[in-house]
Amino acid sequence: MAITEDRLRQTFSEGGAREIYREIKSGGDFTGFARKYAFDSDDRVARSALWGLTKASDKELSELQVILDELMDRAMQTGNSSVRRLTLNIIERLKISEDNLRPDFLDFCLAHMTSIEEFPGIQTICMKLAYRMCRFYPELMGELMRTLDAMEIYYYKPAVKSIRNKILDGKLKY
């Protein structure tokens, strides 16, 4: 069955996401698929497309490196938490270097990792991404560590506490 907007609008299961991934893989154009569907104005279409993309291997996802800035923009601009979480999951699997560090995206991650209104999945991914970006600059790493240390930890879910503690203890590996 061909991938269409209508089909993506109907995909609500893990099995459906895996089937979409298999079809993207057989087509061999992860970037073209992402450009066509991951940025769709219909959040259901974008969510299903992104969910299918998250099933790809790191090597397959590396094709999306060329649209890293667009993915960052998508994560920062969407009002849909599922689209945001899935987009951040993809970004986390791409390379972030000192050369492509974006201060606006770092600020976004710092704000969302501590926001108690944000979903824990988004908080943890933002925390990991902020850590990765701050590693390039000792002064930013110090600020990140002070922010993590000052978190009123009893407001957060166990997943957030776990990532926070791994970062503070120097046990988060990248």
N, C-alpha and C. Protein backbone atom coordinates (compact mmCIF):
# COMPACT_ATOMS: atom_id res chain seq x y z
N MET A 1 0.85 -1.18 0.00
CA MET A 1 0.00 0.00 0.00
C MET A 1 0.90 1.24 0.00
N ALA A 2 0.61 2.16 -0.86
CA ALA A 2 1.42 3.38 -0.97
C ALA A 2 1.21 4.30 0.22
N ILE A 3 2.26 5.03 0.55
CA ILE A 3 2.15 6.01 1.63
C ILE A 3 1.51 7.27 1.07
N THR A 4 0.42 7.67 1.70
CA THR A 4 -0.31 8.88 1.33
C THR A 4 -0.63 9.66 2.60
N GLU A 5 -1.04 10.88 2.42
CA GLU A 5 -1.47 11.67 3.58
C GLU A 5 -2.64 11.00 4.27
N ASP A 6 -3.59 10.48 3.50
CA ASP A 6 -4.74 9.81 4.10
C ASP A 6 -4.31 8.61 4.93
N ARG A 7 -3.39 7.83 4.41
CA ARG A 7 -2.92 6.67 5.15
C ARG A 7 -2.20 7.09 6.42
N LEU A 8 -1.35 8.11 6.33
CA LEU A 8 -0.64 8.59 7.52
C LEU A 8 -1.61 9.15 8.55
N ARG A 9 -2.68 9.75 8.09
CA ARG A 9 -3.69 10.30 9.00
C ARG A 9 -4.36 9.18 9.81
N GLN A 10 -4.35 7.96 9.27
CA GLN A 10 -5.03 6.82 9.89
C GLN A 10 -4.10 5.93 10.73
N THR A 11 -2.81 6.18 10.73
CA THR A 11 -1.85 5.31 11.40
C THR A 11 -1.77 5.66 12.88
N PHE A 12 -2.23 4.71 13.72
CA PHE A 12 -2.24 4.96 15.16
C PHE A 12 -1.66 3.80 15.97
N SER A 13 -0.90 2.92 15.32
CA SER A 13 -0.37 1.77 16.05
C SER A 13 1.12 1.60 15.78
N GLU A 14 1.76 0.87 16.69
CA GLU A 14 3.18 0.54 16.54
C GLU A 14 3.39 -0.23 15.25
N GLY A 15 2.51 -1.20 14.98
CA GLY A 15 2.61 -1.99 13.75
C GLY A 15 2.48 -1.13 12.51
N GLY A 16 1.59 -0.15 12.56
CA GLY A 16 1.43 0.77 11.43
C GLY A 16 2.67 1.61 11.22
N ALA A 17 3.29 2.05 12.30
CA ALA A 17 4.53 2.84 12.20
C ALA A 17 5.65 1.99 11.61
N ARG A 18 5.73 0.74 12.01
CA ARG A 18 6.76 -0.16 11.47
C ARG A 18 6.54 -0.43 9.98
N GLU A 19 5.29 -0.55 9.59
CA GLU A 19 4.98 -0.76 8.17
C GLU A 19 5.38 0.47 7.35
N ILE A 20 5.10 1.64 7.87
CA ILE A 20 5.51 2.88 7.18
C ILE A 20 7.03 2.90 7.04
N TYR A 21 7.74 2.56 8.12
CA TYR A 21 9.21 2.51 8.05
C TYR A 21 9.67 1.55 6.95
N ARG A 22 9.09 0.36 6.89
CA ARG A 22 9.51 -0.62 5.88
C ARG A 22 9.31 -0.06 4.46
N GLU A 23 8.23 0.66 4.27
CA GLU A 23 7.99 1.24 2.95
C GLU A 23 8.94 2.39 2.63
N ILE A 24 9.27 3.19 3.64
CA ILE A 24 10.27 4.26 3.44
C ILE A 24 11.60 3.61 3.06
N LYS A 25 11.97 2.57 3.80
CA LYS A 25 13.23 1.88 3.56
C LYS A 25 13.27 1.29 2.15
N SER A 26 12.18 0.68 1.73
CA SER A 26 12.18 0.07 0.38
C SER A 26 12.26 1.15 -0.69
N GLY A 27 11.74 2.34 -0.41
CA GLY A 27 11.85 3.46 -1.35
C GLY A 27 13.22 4.10 -1.34
N GLY A 28 13.93 3.95 -0.22
CA GLY A 28 15.30 4.44 -0.12
C GLY A 28 15.48 5.94 -0.09
N ASP A 29 14.43 6.69 0.27
CA ASP A 29 14.55 8.15 0.28
C ASP A 29 14.00 8.71 1.59
N PHE A 30 14.78 8.56 2.66
CA PHE A 30 14.34 9.02 3.97
C PHE A 30 14.17 10.55 4.00
N THR A 31 15.09 11.26 3.36
CA THR A 31 15.03 12.72 3.36
C THR A 31 13.82 13.22 2.57
N GLY A 32 13.59 12.64 1.40
CA GLY A 32 12.43 13.03 0.60
C GLY A 32 11.13 12.78 1.34
N PHE A 33 11.04 11.62 1.99
CA PHE A 33 9.84 11.29 2.76
C PHE A 33 9.66 12.30 3.90
N ALA A 34 10.74 12.58 4.62
CA ALA A 34 10.66 13.52 5.74
C ALA A 34 10.23 14.90 5.27
N ARG A 35 10.83 15.37 4.18
CA ARG A 35 10.47 16.69 3.67
C ARG A 35 9.00 16.75 3.24
N LYS A 36 8.52 15.66 2.70
CA LYS A 36 7.14 15.64 2.20
C LYS A 36 6.11 15.53 3.32
N TYR A 37 6.40 14.70 4.34
CA TYR A 37 5.36 14.40 5.33
C TYR A 37 5.64 14.86 6.76
N ALA A 38 6.89 14.92 7.20
CA ALA A 38 7.17 15.26 8.59
C ALA A 38 6.87 16.72 8.91
N PHE A 39 6.77 17.53 7.89
CA PHE A 39 6.49 18.96 8.09
C PHE A 39 5.07 19.32 7.65
N ASP A 40 4.23 18.30 7.45
CA ASP A 40 2.85 18.52 7.03
C ASP A 40 2.12 19.37 8.06
N SER A 41 1.22 20.21 7.60
CA SER A 41 0.46 21.08 8.52
C SER A 41 -0.55 20.28 9.33
N ASP A 42 -0.93 19.09 8.86
CA ASP A 42 -1.82 18.21 9.61
C ASP A 42 -0.95 17.44 10.60
N ASP A 43 -1.11 17.71 11.88
CA ASP A 43 -0.28 17.08 12.90
C ASP A 43 -0.39 15.56 12.91
N ARG A 44 -1.54 15.02 12.52
CA ARG A 44 -1.68 13.56 12.49
C ARG A 44 -0.79 12.96 11.40
N VAL A 45 -0.73 13.62 10.26
CA VAL A 45 0.13 13.16 9.17
C VAL A 45 1.59 13.25 9.61
N ALA A 46 1.98 14.40 10.15
CA ALA A 46 3.36 14.61 10.59
C ALA A 46 3.74 13.62 11.68
N ARG A 47 2.84 13.40 12.64
CA ARG A 47 3.12 12.47 13.74
C ARG A 47 3.38 11.06 13.21
N SER A 48 2.54 10.59 12.33
CA SER A 48 2.72 9.24 11.78
C SER A 48 3.99 9.13 10.96
N ALA A 49 4.30 10.16 10.19
CA ALA A 49 5.53 10.16 9.39
C ALA A 49 6.76 10.12 10.30
N LEU A 50 6.75 10.94 11.32
CA LEU A 50 7.87 10.98 12.26
C LEU A 50 7.98 9.67 13.03
N TRP A 51 6.85 9.10 13.40
CA TRP A 51 6.85 7.83 14.13
C TRP A 51 7.48 6.74 13.26
N GLY A 52 7.11 6.71 11.99
CA GLY A 52 7.72 5.76 11.08
C GLY A 52 9.22 5.97 10.95
N LEU A 53 9.65 7.22 10.89
CA LEU A 53 11.08 7.53 10.78
C LEU A 53 11.86 7.11 12.02
N THR A 54 11.23 7.16 13.19
CA THR A 54 11.95 6.77 14.41
C THR A 54 12.28 5.28 14.42
N LYS A 55 11.68 4.51 13.56
CA LYS A 55 11.96 3.06 13.49
C LYS A 55 13.23 2.78 12.69
N ALA A 56 13.75 3.77 12.01
CA ALA A 56 14.93 3.61 11.17
C ALA A 56 16.18 3.43 12.03
N SER A 57 17.19 2.82 11.44
CA SER A 57 18.48 2.69 12.11
C SER A 57 19.17 4.06 12.14
N ASP A 58 20.17 4.19 12.98
CA ASP A 58 20.93 5.44 13.04
C ASP A 58 21.56 5.75 11.68
N LYS A 59 22.05 4.71 11.01
CA LYS A 59 22.66 4.92 9.70
C LYS A 59 21.63 5.47 8.70
N GLU A 60 20.43 4.90 8.71
CA GLU A 60 19.38 5.38 7.81
C GLU A 60 18.98 6.81 8.16
N LEU A 61 18.86 7.07 9.46
CA LEU A 61 18.47 8.43 9.88
C LEU A 61 19.54 9.46 9.58
N SER A 62 20.80 9.02 9.46
CA SER A 62 21.87 9.97 9.18
C SER A 62 21.62 10.72 7.87
N GLU A 63 20.80 10.16 6.99
CA GLU A 63 20.42 10.88 5.76
C GLU A 63 19.71 12.20 6.08
N LEU A 64 19.08 12.26 7.26
CA LEU A 64 18.33 13.46 7.63
C LEU A 64 19.22 14.58 8.17
N GLN A 65 20.52 14.32 8.25
CA GLN A 65 21.46 15.33 8.74
C GLN A 65 21.33 16.63 7.94
N VAL A 66 21.04 16.52 6.65
CA VAL A 66 20.93 17.70 5.78
C VAL A 66 19.74 18.59 6.14
N ILE A 67 18.77 18.05 6.88
CA ILE A 67 17.60 18.86 7.27
C ILE A 67 17.55 19.08 8.78
N LEU A 68 18.71 18.97 9.44
CA LEU A 68 18.77 19.15 10.90
C LEU A 68 18.17 20.49 11.32
N ASP A 69 18.53 21.57 10.65
CA ASP A 69 17.98 22.89 11.01
C ASP A 69 16.47 22.92 10.87
N GLU A 70 15.95 22.32 9.82
CA GLU A 70 14.50 22.28 9.62
C GLU A 70 13.82 21.47 10.73
N LEU A 71 14.46 20.38 11.14
CA LEU A 71 13.91 19.57 12.22
C LEU A 71 13.92 20.35 13.54
N MET A 72 15.00 21.08 13.78
CA MET A 72 15.06 21.91 14.99
C MET A 72 13.95 22.95 14.98
N ASP A 73 13.76 23.59 13.83
CA ASP A 73 12.68 24.57 13.71
C ASP A 73 11.32 23.93 13.98
N ARG A 74 11.12 22.74 13.43
CA ARG A 74 9.86 22.02 13.61
C ARG A 74 9.62 21.74 15.09
N ALA A 75 10.63 21.25 15.79
CA ALA A 75 10.49 20.94 17.21
C ALA A 75 10.15 22.19 18.01
N MET A 76 10.77 23.30 17.67
CA MET A 76 10.54 24.54 18.43
C MET A 76 9.21 25.19 18.11
N GLN A 77 8.69 24.97 16.90
CA GLN A 77 7.51 25.71 16.46
C GLN A 77 6.19 24.97 16.60
N THR A 78 6.23 23.65 16.68
CA THR A 78 4.98 22.91 16.74
C THR A 78 4.30 23.08 18.09
N GLY A 79 3.01 23.09 18.07
CA GLY A 79 2.23 23.12 19.31
C GLY A 79 1.78 21.73 19.71
N ASN A 80 2.10 20.73 18.90
CA ASN A 80 1.67 19.36 19.14
C ASN A 80 2.79 18.62 19.87
N SER A 81 2.50 18.14 21.08
CA SER A 81 3.54 17.50 21.89
C SER A 81 4.04 16.19 21.28
N SER A 82 3.19 15.44 20.60
CA SER A 82 3.65 14.20 19.97
C SER A 82 4.62 14.50 18.84
N VAL A 83 4.29 15.49 18.02
CA VAL A 83 5.18 15.89 16.93
C VAL A 83 6.50 16.41 17.51
N ARG A 84 6.42 17.18 18.58
CA ARG A 84 7.64 17.71 19.21
C ARG A 84 8.51 16.57 19.73
N ARG A 85 7.92 15.63 20.46
CA ARG A 85 8.68 14.52 21.04
C ARG A 85 9.33 13.66 19.97
N LEU A 86 8.59 13.32 18.94
CA LEU A 86 9.13 12.48 17.87
C LEU A 86 10.24 13.21 17.10
N THR A 87 10.05 14.49 16.85
CA THR A 87 11.06 15.28 16.15
C THR A 87 12.33 15.35 16.99
N LEU A 88 12.18 15.59 18.29
CA LEU A 88 13.34 15.64 19.19
C LEU A 88 14.05 14.28 19.25
N ASN A 89 13.28 13.20 19.20
CA ASN A 89 13.89 11.86 19.19
C ASN A 89 14.78 11.69 17.96
N ILE A 90 14.33 12.18 16.83
CA ILE A 90 15.13 12.08 15.60
C ILE A 90 16.37 12.97 15.71
N ILE A 91 16.19 14.20 16.18
CA ILE A 91 17.31 15.12 16.34
C ILE A 91 18.36 14.51 17.26
N GLU A 92 17.92 13.86 18.33
CA GLU A 92 18.86 13.27 19.28
C GLU A 92 19.74 12.21 18.62
N ARG A 93 19.26 11.60 17.58
CA ARG A 93 20.02 10.54 16.90
C ARG A 93 20.91 11.08 15.77
N LEU A 94 20.86 12.38 15.54
CA LEU A 94 21.70 13.00 14.52
C LEU A 94 22.92 13.63 15.18
N LYS A 95 23.90 13.98 14.37
CA LYS A 95 25.13 14.60 14.88
C LYS A 95 24.87 16.08 15.16
N ILE A 96 25.31 16.49 16.32
CA ILE A 96 25.31 17.91 16.67
C ILE A 96 26.75 18.25 17.00
N SER A 97 27.30 19.16 16.23
CA SER A 97 28.69 19.55 16.45
C SER A 97 28.75 21.02 16.84
N GLU A 98 29.92 21.43 17.22
CA GLU A 98 30.11 22.84 17.57
C GLU A 98 29.78 23.74 16.38
N ASP A 99 30.02 23.23 15.17
CA ASP A 99 29.77 24.01 13.95
C ASP A 99 28.29 24.23 13.67
N ASN A 100 27.43 23.29 14.08
CA ASN A 100 26.01 23.47 13.79
C ASN A 100 25.18 23.71 15.05
N LEU A 101 25.84 24.17 16.11
CA LEU A 101 25.15 24.50 17.35
C LEU A 101 24.29 25.75 17.15
N ARG A 102 23.04 25.65 17.53
CA ARG A 102 22.13 26.79 17.39
C ARG A 102 21.72 27.28 18.78
N PRO A 103 22.08 28.52 19.12
CA PRO A 103 21.73 29.05 20.44
C PRO A 103 20.23 29.04 20.71
N ASP A 104 19.40 29.30 19.69
CA ASP A 104 17.96 29.30 19.90
C ASP A 104 17.46 27.91 20.26
N PHE A 105 18.04 26.88 19.66
CA PHE A 105 17.64 25.52 19.98
C PHE A 105 18.14 25.12 21.37
N LEU A 106 19.34 25.54 21.72
CA LEU A 106 19.84 25.28 23.07
C LEU A 106 18.93 25.94 24.11
N ASP A 107 18.55 27.19 23.88
CA ASP A 107 17.64 27.89 24.79
C ASP A 107 16.31 27.16 24.91
N PHE A 108 15.80 26.67 23.77
CA PHE A 108 14.56 25.90 23.75
C PHE A 108 14.71 24.65 24.64
N CYS A 109 15.80 23.93 24.46
CA CYS A 109 16.02 22.70 25.24
C CYS A 109 16.15 23.02 26.73
N LEU A 110 16.88 24.06 27.06
CA LEU A 110 17.04 24.44 28.47
C LEU A 110 15.70 24.79 29.10
N ALA A 111 14.86 25.50 28.36
CA ALA A 111 13.55 25.89 28.89
C ALA A 111 12.61 24.68 29.04
N HIS A 112 12.62 23.79 28.07
CA HIS A 112 11.68 22.67 28.09
C HIS A 112 12.13 21.54 29.02
N MET A 113 13.41 21.44 29.30
CA MET A 113 13.86 20.36 30.19
C MET A 113 13.44 20.61 31.63
N THR A 114 13.22 21.86 32.00
CA THR A 114 12.85 22.19 33.38
C THR A 114 11.38 22.57 33.53
N SER A 115 10.67 22.69 32.42
CA SER A 115 9.26 23.10 32.47
C SER A 115 8.40 21.98 33.04
N ILE A 116 7.78 22.22 34.19
CA ILE A 116 6.95 21.19 34.79
C ILE A 116 5.65 20.98 34.02
N GLU A 117 5.33 21.89 33.10
CA GLU A 117 4.16 21.72 32.25
C GLU A 117 4.44 20.79 31.07
N GLU A 118 5.71 20.54 30.80
CA GLU A 118 6.09 19.73 29.65
C GLU A 118 6.00 18.25 30.01
N PHE A 119 5.77 17.42 29.00
CA PHE A 119 5.71 15.98 29.21
C PHE A 119 7.11 15.45 29.54
N PRO A 120 7.20 14.43 30.40
CA PRO A 120 8.51 13.88 30.80
C PRO A 120 9.37 13.42 29.61
N GLY A 121 8.76 12.84 28.60
CA GLY A 121 9.52 12.39 27.43
C GLY A 121 10.23 13.54 26.75
N ILE A 122 9.58 14.67 26.67
CA ILE A 122 10.18 15.86 26.06
C ILE A 122 11.23 16.45 26.99
N GLN A 123 10.93 16.47 28.29
CA GLN A 123 11.91 16.99 29.25
C GLN A 123 13.23 16.21 29.17
N THR A 124 13.13 14.89 29.14
CA THR A 124 14.36 14.08 29.14
C THR A 124 15.15 14.24 27.86
N ILE A 125 14.47 14.28 26.72
CA ILE A 125 15.20 14.45 25.46
C ILE A 125 15.85 15.84 25.42
N CYS A 126 15.13 16.85 25.87
CA CYS A 126 15.70 18.20 25.90
C CYS A 126 16.91 18.25 26.83
N MET A 127 16.84 17.53 27.94
CA MET A 127 17.96 17.51 28.88
C MET A 127 19.19 16.86 28.22
N LYS A 128 18.98 15.75 27.53
CA LYS A 128 20.08 15.07 26.85
C LYS A 128 20.68 15.96 25.75
N LEU A 129 19.81 16.61 24.98
CA LEU A 129 20.29 17.47 23.90
C LEU A 129 21.04 18.68 24.46
N ALA A 130 20.52 19.28 25.53
CA ALA A 130 21.20 20.42 26.15
C ALA A 130 22.59 19.99 26.63
N TYR A 131 22.67 18.81 27.23
CA TYR A 131 23.95 18.28 27.68
C TYR A 131 24.92 18.13 26.51
N ARG A 132 24.45 17.56 25.43
CA ARG A 132 25.30 17.37 24.25
C ARG A 132 25.81 18.70 23.71
N MET A 133 24.95 19.71 23.67
CA MET A 133 25.34 21.01 23.13
C MET A 133 26.26 21.76 24.08
N CYS A 134 26.02 21.66 25.37
CA CYS A 134 26.83 22.39 26.35
C CYS A 134 28.23 21.82 26.47
N ARG A 135 28.44 20.57 26.09
CA ARG A 135 29.76 19.95 26.20
C ARG A 135 30.83 20.71 25.42
N PHE A 136 30.44 21.48 24.43
CA PHE A 136 31.41 22.21 23.62
C PHE A 136 31.96 23.45 24.32
N TYR A 137 31.26 23.91 25.36
CA TYR A 137 31.63 25.16 26.03
C TYR A 137 31.60 24.97 27.55
N PRO A 138 32.74 25.03 28.20
CA PRO A 138 32.78 24.82 29.65
C PRO A 138 31.85 25.76 30.43
N GLU A 139 31.76 27.01 29.99
CA GLU A 139 30.90 27.95 30.72
C GLU A 139 29.42 27.55 30.61
N LEU A 140 29.02 27.02 29.45
CA LEU A 140 27.64 26.54 29.30
C LEU A 140 27.42 25.26 30.10
N MET A 141 28.42 24.41 30.15
CA MET A 141 28.29 23.18 30.93
C MET A 141 28.12 23.52 32.40
N GLY A 142 28.86 24.50 32.87
CA GLY A 142 28.70 24.94 34.26
C GLY A 142 27.29 25.45 34.52
N GLU A 143 26.77 26.22 33.59
CA GLU A 143 25.41 26.75 33.74
C GLU A 143 24.39 25.61 33.73
N LEU A 144 24.58 24.65 32.84
CA LEU A 144 23.68 23.50 32.79
C LEU A 144 23.70 22.75 34.12
N MET A 145 24.88 22.49 34.63
CA MET A 145 25.00 21.74 35.89
C MET A 145 24.35 22.49 37.05
N ARG A 146 24.52 23.80 37.09
CA ARG A 146 23.87 24.60 38.14
C ARG A 146 22.36 24.55 38.00
N THR A 147 21.87 24.59 36.75
CA THR A 147 20.43 24.51 36.52
C THR A 147 19.88 23.16 36.97
N LEU A 148 20.57 22.09 36.59
CA LEU A 148 20.13 20.74 36.99
C LEU A 148 20.16 20.57 38.50
N ASP A 149 21.21 21.08 39.11
CA ASP A 149 21.37 20.96 40.56
C ASP A 149 20.27 21.73 41.31
N ALA A 150 19.82 22.84 40.73
CA ALA A 150 18.82 23.68 41.40
C ALA A 150 17.38 23.23 41.15
N MET A 151 17.18 22.22 40.31
CA MET A 151 15.82 21.77 40.02
C MET A 151 15.14 21.27 41.30
N GLU A 152 13.91 21.69 41.49
CA GLU A 152 13.09 21.18 42.60
C GLU A 152 12.63 19.79 42.18
N ILE A 153 13.45 18.80 42.44
CA ILE A 153 13.33 17.49 41.83
C ILE A 153 12.03 16.75 42.19
N TYR A 154 11.40 17.07 43.28
CA TYR A 154 10.17 16.35 43.65
C TYR A 154 9.00 16.67 42.71
N TYR A 155 9.13 17.70 41.84
CA TYR A 155 8.09 18.03 40.87
C TYR A 155 8.16 17.15 39.62
N TYR A 156 9.23 16.39 39.46
CA TYR A 156 9.50 15.70 38.20
C TYR A 156 9.26 14.20 38.31
N LYS A 157 8.99 13.59 37.17
CA LYS A 157 8.76 12.15 37.06
C LYS A 157 10.09 11.40 37.15
N PRO A 158 10.05 10.11 37.46
CA PRO A 158 11.28 9.31 37.61
C PRO A 158 12.21 9.36 36.39
N ALA A 159 11.67 9.37 35.19
CA ALA A 159 12.53 9.40 33.99
C ALA A 159 13.38 10.68 33.96
N VAL A 160 12.77 11.79 34.32
CA VAL A 160 13.48 13.07 34.33
C VAL A 160 14.54 13.06 35.43
N LYS A 161 14.18 12.56 36.60
CA LYS A 161 15.13 12.47 37.71
C LYS A 161 16.32 11.60 37.31
N SER A 162 16.06 10.50 36.64
CA SER A 162 17.12 9.57 36.25
C SER A 162 18.13 10.22 35.30
N ILE A 163 17.64 10.89 34.26
CA ILE A 163 18.55 11.54 33.31
C ILE A 163 19.30 12.67 33.99
N ARG A 164 18.61 13.43 34.81
CA ARG A 164 19.26 14.52 35.56
C ARG A 164 20.40 13.97 36.39
N ASN A 165 20.14 12.89 37.13
CA ASN A 165 21.17 12.31 37.99
C ASN A 165 22.33 11.75 37.18
N LYS A 166 22.05 11.13 36.05
CA LYS A 166 23.13 10.60 35.20
C LYS A 166 24.03 11.73 34.70
N ILE A 167 23.43 12.85 34.34
CA ILE A 167 24.23 13.99 33.88
C ILE A 167 25.06 14.55 35.03
N LEU A 168 24.43 14.77 36.16
CA LEU A 168 25.14 15.31 37.32
C LEU A 168 26.26 14.38 37.80
N ASP A 169 26.05 13.09 37.68
CA ASP A 169 27.05 12.11 38.12
C ASP A 169 28.08 11.79 37.05
N GLY A 170 27.96 12.42 35.86
CA GLY A 170 28.90 12.18 34.78
C GLY A 170 28.74 10.81 34.13
N LYS A 171 27.56 10.23 34.22
CA LYS A 171 27.35 8.88 33.70
C LYS A 171 26.56 8.84 32.41
N LEU A 172 26.16 9.98 31.88
CA LEU A 172 25.46 10.00 30.59
C LEU A 172 26.53 10.00 29.49
N LYS A 173 26.47 9.03 28.62
CA LYS A 173 27.49 8.87 27.58
C LYS A 173 26.95 9.28 26.21
N TYR A 174 27.81 9.96 25.47
CA TYR A 174 27.53 10.30 24.07
C TYR A 174 28.78 10.16 23.27
